Amino acid sequence: QMCDALAANTAGDLRTIVANCIAHARR
């Protein structure tokens, strides 16, 4: 699962391998 680090993007019953967006960090 690719998303930014907001908690809203990982809410819910998710069984994923989470990756965060480097573009957000770069920005």
PDB file of all heavy atoms in Angstrom:
ATOM      1  N   GLN A   1       0.846  -1.193   0.000  1.00  0.00           N
ATOM      2  CA  GLN A   1       0.000   0.000   0.000  1.00  0.00           C
ATOM      3  C   GLN A   1       0.880   1.241   0.000  1.00  0.00           C
ATOM      4  O   GLN A   1       1.626   1.487   0.942  1.00  0.00           O
ATOM      5  CB  GLN A   1      -0.920   0.025   1.223  1.00  0.00           C
ATOM      6  CG  GLN A   1      -1.791   1.273   1.295  1.00  0.00           C
ATOM      7  CD  GLN A   1      -2.492   1.434   2.625  1.00  0.00           C
ATOM      8  OE1 GLN A   1      -2.360   0.568   3.506  1.00  0.00           O
ATOM      9  NE2 GLN A   1      -3.236   2.512   2.798  1.00  0.00           N
ATOM     10  N   MET A   2       0.786   2.039  -1.055  1.00  0.00           N
ATOM     11  CA  MET A   2       1.527   3.287  -1.134  1.00  0.00           C
ATOM     12  C   MET A   2       0.604   4.448  -0.790  1.00  0.00           C
ATOM     13  O   MET A   2      -0.466   4.605  -1.388  1.00  0.00           O
ATOM     14  CB  MET A   2       2.107   3.476  -2.538  1.00  0.00           C
ATOM     15  CG  MET A   2       2.641   4.885  -2.830  1.00  0.00           C
ATOM     16  SD  MET A   2       3.822   5.518  -1.640  1.00  0.00           S
ATOM     17  CE  MET A   2       5.256   4.515  -1.958  1.00  0.00           C
ATOM     18  N   CYS A   3       0.990   5.251   0.204  1.00  0.00           N
ATOM     19  CA  CYS A   3       0.190   6.398   0.617  1.00  0.00           C
ATOM     20  C   CYS A   3       1.116   7.382   1.320  1.00  0.00           C
ATOM     21  O   CYS A   3       2.295   7.105   1.546  1.00  0.00           O
ATOM     22  CB  CYS A   3      -0.947   5.963   1.547  1.00  0.00           C
ATOM     23  SG  CYS A   3      -0.386   5.140   3.055  1.00  0.00           S
ATOM     24  N   ASP A   4       0.574   8.551   1.658  1.00  0.00           N
ATOM     25  CA  ASP A   4       1.358   9.443   2.499  1.00  0.00           C
ATOM     26  C   ASP A   4       1.149   9.050   3.959  1.00  0.00           C
ATOM     27  O   ASP A   4       0.441   8.100   4.260  1.00  0.00           O
ATOM     28  CB  ASP A   4       0.993  10.909   2.233  1.00  0.00           C
ATOM     29  CG  ASP A   4      -0.482  11.202   2.470  1.00  0.00           C
ATOM     30  OD1 ASP A   4      -1.013  10.763   3.506  1.00  0.00           O
ATOM     31  OD2 ASP A   4      -1.100  11.876   1.630  1.00  0.00           O
ATOM     32  N   ALA A   5       1.769   9.793   4.865  1.00  0.00           N
ATOM     33  CA  ALA A   5       1.808   9.367   6.265  1.00  0.00           C
ATOM     34  C   ALA A   5       0.577   9.764   7.069  1.00  0.00           C
ATOM     35  O   ALA A   5       0.562   9.556   8.284  1.00  0.00           O
ATOM     36  CB  ALA A   5       3.061   9.936   6.935  1.00  0.00           C
ATOM     37  N   LEU A   6      -0.464  10.302   6.442  1.00  0.00           N
ATOM     38  CA  LEU A   6      -1.671  10.662   7.185  1.00  0.00           C
ATOM     39  C   LEU A   6      -2.361   9.411   7.717  1.00  0.00           C
ATOM     40  O   LEU A   6      -2.453   8.392   7.026  1.00  0.00           O
ATOM     41  CB  LEU A   6      -2.638  11.432   6.287  1.00  0.00           C
ATOM     42  CG  LEU A   6      -2.233  12.855   5.900  1.00  0.00           C
ATOM     43  CD1 LEU A   6      -3.246  13.434   4.930  1.00  0.00           C
ATOM     44  CD2 LEU A   6      -2.094  13.735   7.131  1.00  0.00           C
ATOM     45  N   ALA A   7      -2.868   9.507   8.945  1.00  0.00           N
ATOM     46  CA  ALA A   7      -3.543   8.358   9.553  1.00  0.00           C
ATOM     47  C   ALA A   7      -4.799   7.973   8.786  1.00  0.00           C
ATOM     48  O   ALA A   7      -5.205   6.807   8.790  1.00  0.00           O
ATOM     49  CB  ALA A   7      -3.888   8.674  11.011  1.00  0.00           C
ATOM     50  N   ALA A   8      -5.422   8.941   8.097  1.00  0.00           N
ATOM     51  CA  ALA A   8      -6.648   8.643   7.350  1.00  0.00           C
ATOM     52  C   ALA A   8      -6.406   7.642   6.238  1.00  0.00           C
ATOM     53  O   ALA A   8      -7.318   6.919   5.836  1.00  0.00           O
ATOM     54  CB  ALA A   8      -7.224   9.932   6.771  1.00  0.00           C
ATOM     55  N   ASN A   9      -5.183   7.572   5.724  1.00  0.00           N
ATOM     56  CA  ASN A   9      -4.897   6.670   4.614  1.00  0.00           C
ATOM     57  C   ASN A   9      -4.683   5.230   5.054  1.00  0.00           C
ATOM     58  O   ASN A   9      -4.659   4.321   4.215  1.00  0.00           O
ATOM     59  CB  ASN A   9      -3.667   7.153   3.849  1.00  0.00           C
ATOM     60  CG  ASN A   9      -3.939   8.430   3.081  1.00  0.00           C
ATOM     61  OD1 ASN A   9      -5.036   8.651   2.597  1.00  0.00           O
ATOM     62  ND2 ASN A   9      -2.940   9.290   2.993  1.00  0.00           N
ATOM     63  N   THR A  10      -4.482   5.014   6.348  1.00  0.00           N
ATOM     64  CA  THR A  10      -4.310   3.654   6.855  1.00  0.00           C
ATOM     65  C   THR A  10      -5.413   3.289   7.831  1.00  0.00           C
ATOM     66  O   THR A  10      -5.285   2.324   8.582  1.00  0.00           O
ATOM     67  CB  THR A  10      -2.939   3.509   7.537  1.00  0.00           C
ATOM     68  OG1 THR A  10      -2.775   4.534   8.527  1.00  0.00           O
ATOM     69  CG2 THR A  10      -1.817   3.628   6.521  1.00  0.00           C
ATOM     70  N   ALA A  11      -6.508   4.064   7.849  1.00  0.00           N
ATOM     71  CA  ALA A  11      -7.635   3.745   8.714  1.00  0.00           C
ATOM     72  C   ALA A  11      -8.375   2.532   8.172  1.00  0.00           C
ATOM     73  O   ALA A  11      -8.286   2.183   7.001  1.00  0.00           O
ATOM     74  CB  ALA A  11      -8.583   4.943   8.809  1.00  0.00           C
ATOM     75  N   GLY A  12      -9.126   1.867   9.052  1.00  0.00           N
ATOM     76  CA  GLY A  12      -9.875   0.694   8.620  1.00  0.00           C
ATOM     77  C   GLY A  12      -9.110  -0.586   8.893  1.00  0.00           C
ATOM     78  O   GLY A  12      -7.962  -0.580   9.339  1.00  0.00           O
ATOM     79  N   ASP A  13      -9.765  -1.686   8.618  1.00  0.00           N
ATOM     80  CA  ASP A  13      -9.176  -3.002   8.865  1.00  0.00           C
ATOM     81  C   ASP A  13      -8.330  -3.396   7.659  1.00  0.00           C
ATOM     82  O   ASP A  13      -8.786  -4.079   6.749  1.00  0.00           O
ATOM     83  CB  ASP A  13     -10.291  -4.023   9.118  1.00  0.00           C
ATOM     84  CG  ASP A  13      -9.739  -5.376   9.542  1.00  0.00           C
ATOM     85  OD1 ASP A  13      -8.533  -5.430   9.862  1.00  0.00           O
ATOM     86  OD2 ASP A  13     -10.499  -6.357   9.547  1.00  0.00           O
ATOM     87  N   LEU A  14      -7.078  -2.946   7.660  1.00  0.00           N
ATOM     88  CA  LEU A  14      -6.196  -3.155   6.525  1.00  0.00           C
ATOM     89  C   LEU A  14      -5.109  -4.166   6.873  1.00  0.00           C
ATOM     90  O   LEU A  14      -4.521  -4.113   7.959  1.00  0.00           O
ATOM     91  CB  LEU A  14      -5.534  -1.842   6.105  1.00  0.00           C
ATOM     92  CG  LEU A  14      -6.443  -0.815   5.418  1.00  0.00           C
ATOM     93  CD1 LEU A  14      -5.721   0.513   5.293  1.00  0.00           C
ATOM     94  CD2 LEU A  14      -6.855  -1.300   4.042  1.00  0.00           C
ATOM     95  N   ARG A  15      -4.873  -5.075   5.946  1.00  0.00           N
ATOM     96  CA  ARG A  15      -3.759  -6.004   6.062  1.00  0.00           C
ATOM     97  C   ARG A  15      -2.860  -5.764   4.859  1.00  0.00           C
ATOM     98  O   ARG A  15      -2.946  -6.413   3.832  1.00  0.00           O
ATOM     99  CB  ARG A  15      -4.290  -7.436   6.079  1.00  0.00           C
ATOM    100  CG  ARG A  15      -3.544  -8.361   7.042  1.00  0.00           C
ATOM    101  CD  ARG A  15      -4.284  -9.676   7.207  1.00  0.00           C
ATOM    102  NE  ARG A  15      -4.738 -10.247   5.963  1.00  0.00           N
ATOM    103  CZ  ARG A  15      -4.015 -11.082   5.223  1.00  0.00           C
ATOM    104  NH1 ARG A  15      -2.804 -11.416   5.592  1.00  0.00           N
ATOM    105  NH2 ARG A  15      -4.509 -11.567   4.102  1.00  0.00           N
ATOM    106  N   THR A  16      -1.987  -4.759   4.996  1.00  0.00           N
ATOM    107  CA  THR A  16      -1.154  -4.330   3.876  1.00  0.00           C
ATOM    108  C   THR A  16       0.279  -4.114   4.351  1.00  0.00           C
ATOM    109  O   THR A  16       0.557  -3.990   5.546  1.00  0.00           O
ATOM    110  CB  THR A  16      -1.679  -3.017   3.261  1.00  0.00           C
ATOM    111  OG1 THR A  16      -1.705  -2.006   4.286  1.00  0.00           O
ATOM    112  CG2 THR A  16      -3.072  -3.190   2.691  1.00  0.00           C
ATOM    113  N   ILE A  17       1.190  -4.033   3.381  1.00  0.00           N
ATOM    114  CA  ILE A  17       2.580  -3.651   3.626  1.00  0.00           C
ATOM    115  C   ILE A  17       2.690  -2.183   3.228  1.00  0.00           C
ATOM    116  O   ILE A  17       2.642  -1.849   2.048  1.00  0.00           O
ATOM    117  CB  ILE A  17       3.553  -4.517   2.804  1.00  0.00           C
ATOM    118  CG1 ILE A  17       3.332  -5.996   3.108  1.00  0.00           C
ATOM    119  CG2 ILE A  17       4.991  -4.128   3.086  1.00  0.00           C
ATOM    120  CD1 ILE A  17       4.090  -6.927   2.187  1.00  0.00           C
ATOM    121  N   VAL A  18       2.813  -1.301   4.215  1.00  0.00           N
ATOM    122  CA  VAL A  18       2.665   0.124   3.969  1.00  0.00           C
ATOM    123  C   VAL A  18       3.996   0.729   3.545  1.00  0.00           C
ATOM    124  O   VAL A  18       5.034   0.512   4.180  1.00  0.00           O
ATOM    125  CB  VAL A  18       2.132   0.845   5.220  1.00  0.00           C
ATOM    126  CG1 VAL A  18       1.983   2.351   4.948  1.00  0.00           C
ATOM    127  CG2 VAL A  18       0.791   0.251   5.635  1.00  0.00           C
ATOM    128  N   ALA A  19       3.942   1.498   2.455  1.00  0.00           N
ATOM    129  CA  ALA A  19       5.067   2.314   1.997  1.00  0.00           C
ATOM    130  C   ALA A  19       4.617   3.767   1.978  1.00  0.00           C
ATOM    131  O   ALA A  19       3.473   4.061   1.635  1.00  0.00           O
ATOM    132  CB  ALA A  19       5.520   1.879   0.604  1.00  0.00           C
ATOM    133  N   ASN A  20       5.520   4.660   2.360  1.00  0.00           N
ATOM    134  CA  ASN A  20       5.191   6.083   2.360  1.00  0.00           C
ATOM    135  C   ASN A  20       5.822   6.783   1.170  1.00  0.00           C
ATOM    136  O   ASN A  20       6.798   6.313   0.582  1.00  0.00           O
ATOM    137  CB  ASN A  20       5.645   6.741   3.659  1.00  0.00           C
ATOM    138  CG  ASN A  20       4.684   6.495   4.806  1.00  0.00           C
ATOM    139  OD1 ASN A  20       5.026   6.714   5.958  1.00  0.00           O
ATOM    140  ND2 ASN A  20       3.484   6.018   4.514  1.00  0.00           N
ATOM    141  N   CYS A  21       5.245   7.924   0.839  1.00  0.00           N
ATOM    142  CA  CYS A  21       5.572   8.647  -0.393  1.00  0.00           C
ATOM    143  C   CYS A  21       6.802   9.533  -0.194  1.00  0.00           C
ATOM    144  O   CYS A  21       6.796  10.444   0.641  1.00  0.00           O
ATOM    145  CB  CYS A  21       4.356   9.477  -0.805  1.00  0.00           C
ATOM    146  SG  CYS A  21       4.623  10.541  -2.225  1.00  0.00           S
ATOM    147  N   ILE A  22       7.853   9.276  -0.975  1.00  0.00           N
ATOM    148  CA  ILE A  22       9.055  10.103  -0.900  1.00  0.00           C
ATOM    149  C   ILE A  22       8.770  11.511  -1.447  1.00  0.00           C
ATOM    150  O   ILE A  22       9.359  12.491  -0.979  1.00  0.00           O
ATOM    151  CB  ILE A  22      10.200   9.439  -1.689  1.00  0.00           C
ATOM    152  CG1 ILE A  22      10.635   8.145  -0.981  1.00  0.00           C
ATOM    153  CG2 ILE A  22      11.393  10.368  -1.825  1.00  0.00           C
ATOM    154  CD1 ILE A  22      11.788   7.431  -1.657  1.00  0.00           C
ATOM    155  N   ALA A  23       7.858  11.623  -2.403  1.00  0.00           N
ATOM    156  CA  ALA A  23       7.550  12.941  -2.961  1.00  0.00           C
ATOM    157  C   ALA A  23       6.992  13.873  -1.896  1.00  0.00           C
ATOM    158  O   ALA A  23       7.259  15.088  -1.922  1.00  0.00           O
ATOM    159  CB  ALA A  23       6.563  12.799  -4.117  1.00  0.00           C
ATOM    160  N   HIS A  24       6.198  13.341  -0.946  1.00  0.00           N
ATOM    161  CA  HIS A  24       5.692  14.176   0.144  1.00  0.00           C
ATOM    162  C   HIS A  24       6.839  14.678   1.021  1.00  0.00           C
ATOM    163  O   HIS A  24       6.847  15.843   1.443  1.00  0.00           O
ATOM    164  CB  HIS A  24       4.691  13.395   0.986  1.00  0.00           C
ATOM    165  CG  HIS A  24       3.313  13.378   0.418  1.00  0.00           C
ATOM    166  ND1 HIS A  24       2.956  12.570  -0.635  1.00  0.00           N
ATOM    167  CD2 HIS A  24       2.197  14.070   0.751  1.00  0.00           C
ATOM    168  CE1 HIS A  24       1.683  12.762  -0.925  1.00  0.00           C
ATOM    169  NE2 HIS A  24       1.194  13.664  -0.106  1.00  0.00           N
ATOM    170  N   ALA A  25       7.781  13.779   1.324  1.00  0.00           N
ATOM    171  CA  ALA A  25       8.932  14.188   2.119  1.00  0.00           C
ATOM    172  C   ALA A  25       9.780  15.212   1.366  1.00  0.00           C
ATOM    173  O   ALA A  25      10.247  16.207   1.944  1.00  0.00           O
ATOM    174  CB  ALA A  25       9.760  12.970   2.487  1.00  0.00           C
ATOM    175  N   ARG A  26       9.973  14.987   0.079  1.00  0.00           N
ATOM    176  CA  ARG A  26      10.772  15.911  -0.726  1.00  0.00           C
ATOM    177  C   ARG A  26      10.124  17.284  -0.783  1.00  0.00           C
ATOM    178  O   ARG A  26      10.817  18.325  -0.756  1.00  0.00           O
ATOM    179  CB  ARG A  26      10.924  15.339  -2.138  1.00  0.00           C
ATOM    180  CG  ARG A  26      11.721  16.197  -3.088  1.00  0.00           C
ATOM    181  CD  ARG A  26      11.712  15.636  -4.495  1.00  0.00           C
ATOM    182  NE  ARG A  26      12.481  16.462  -5.409  1.00  0.00           N
ATOM    183  CZ  ARG A  26      12.017  17.567  -5.994  1.00  0.00           C
ATOM    184  NH1 ARG A  26      10.760  17.975  -5.756  1.00  0.00           N
ATOM    185  NH2 ARG A  26      12.793  18.261  -6.812  1.00  0.00           N
ATOM    186  N   ARG A  27       8.796  17.316  -0.853  1.00  0.00           N
ATOM    187  CA  ARG A  27       8.079  18.577  -0.983  1.00  0.00           C
ATOM    188  C   ARG A  27       8.332  19.504   0.208  1.00  0.00           C
ATOM    189  O   ARG A  27       8.341  20.729   0.081  1.00  0.00           O
ATOM    190  CB  ARG A  27       6.579  18.296  -1.115  1.00  0.00           C
ATOM    191  CG  ARG A  27       5.773  19.371  -1.803  1.00  0.00           C
ATOM    192  CD  ARG A  27       4.385  18.845  -2.105  1.00  0.00           C
ATOM    193  NE  ARG A  27       4.431  17.727  -3.029  1.00  0.00           N
ATOM    194  CZ  ARG A  27       3.545  16.732  -3.040  1.00  0.00           C
ATOM    195  NH1 ARG A  27       2.547  16.729  -2.172  1.00  0.00           N
ATOM    196  NH2 ARG A  27       3.650  15.758  -3.924  1.00  0.00           N
TER     197      ARG A  27
END
